[in-house]
Amino acid sequence: MLWTAFPARLPRLAVAAGLVGATLALAACSETSEPMPTLDPPKVMYAAVTDDGFSVPAINTRKIDPQFLRQVVDTPATIPGDVGAIVVDPADKFLYLNLGGGKSMRYGIGVGREGFAWAGTATIRSKQHWPKWFPPADMVARDPKTRPFAKGMDGGPHNPLGARALYLWQGDVDTLYRLHGTNDPLSIGKAVSSGCIRMFDQDVMDLYERAPIGTEVIVLPVPGALPAIPTPPVASGVGDSAPAKT
């Protein structure tokens, strides 16, 4: 009797074990998987805001190619890097923040014009709200418009670094390249800068909160791109006094 009854109970035990296993698996997933960000409509993401006492104007998204607006996308197979890494694709004018789970936050960017493109790997070592801008000596030498600001331009709406700057270093050496905002939103999606990666102010403010100090930044190569040639460290090392190429 025991032998004939035991096999009849096996399917029920198997089902029960399966349900327990599935429940545990779901619980494990819920504990380890980060939910994907939910984004507001563009007119909300790019609305005018007041930040640190400064006014950030709204972006007229009707004048912007929709592909350059902030969005969560499937991470392309050609984009390297671990979860949390930033990858800059100068060819397509995109910046990716790897969210994990095969997804990335993608931002439209402006990149270095011909002769100013660069490629390589760096690390975010400092971040600044409304940074002060110090044009590098080579920029001052070739562009008379920057000479009045050789000793620095205070942060604000007219500063070319915009609302935020993330400072890129290679080891203990400042590359002078930055991820930063812009007061020229129509430059996003174009190759117009002196090497820095520019973003909509609203987007760089968003990235600033998502990317901690120590984040790896990978800039993919394009034809003619040079390495981020190390320069002698700036006196104070990090922050507002460091020049930026914009």
Foldseek 3Di string as FASTA:
>chain_A
DVVVVVVVCVVVVVVVVVVVVVVVVVVVCVVPDDDDDDDDPLCVLQPWDADPNAIAHGDPCVLPDVVQAKDKDQDDPPFDDDQQAWEAEQVQQWIWHHNDPRITTIHFKAFADFPQEAFDKWFQADKDFQAKAAADPVCVVVDVVCVVQNVIDGGGLVDQQAGMWGWTHDVQFGLLEIEGEGNDQVNTRYNDFNGHIYGHNSVVVVVPVSHDGGHMYGYDDDPNHHHSDTDPADPVRDGRRRHHRD
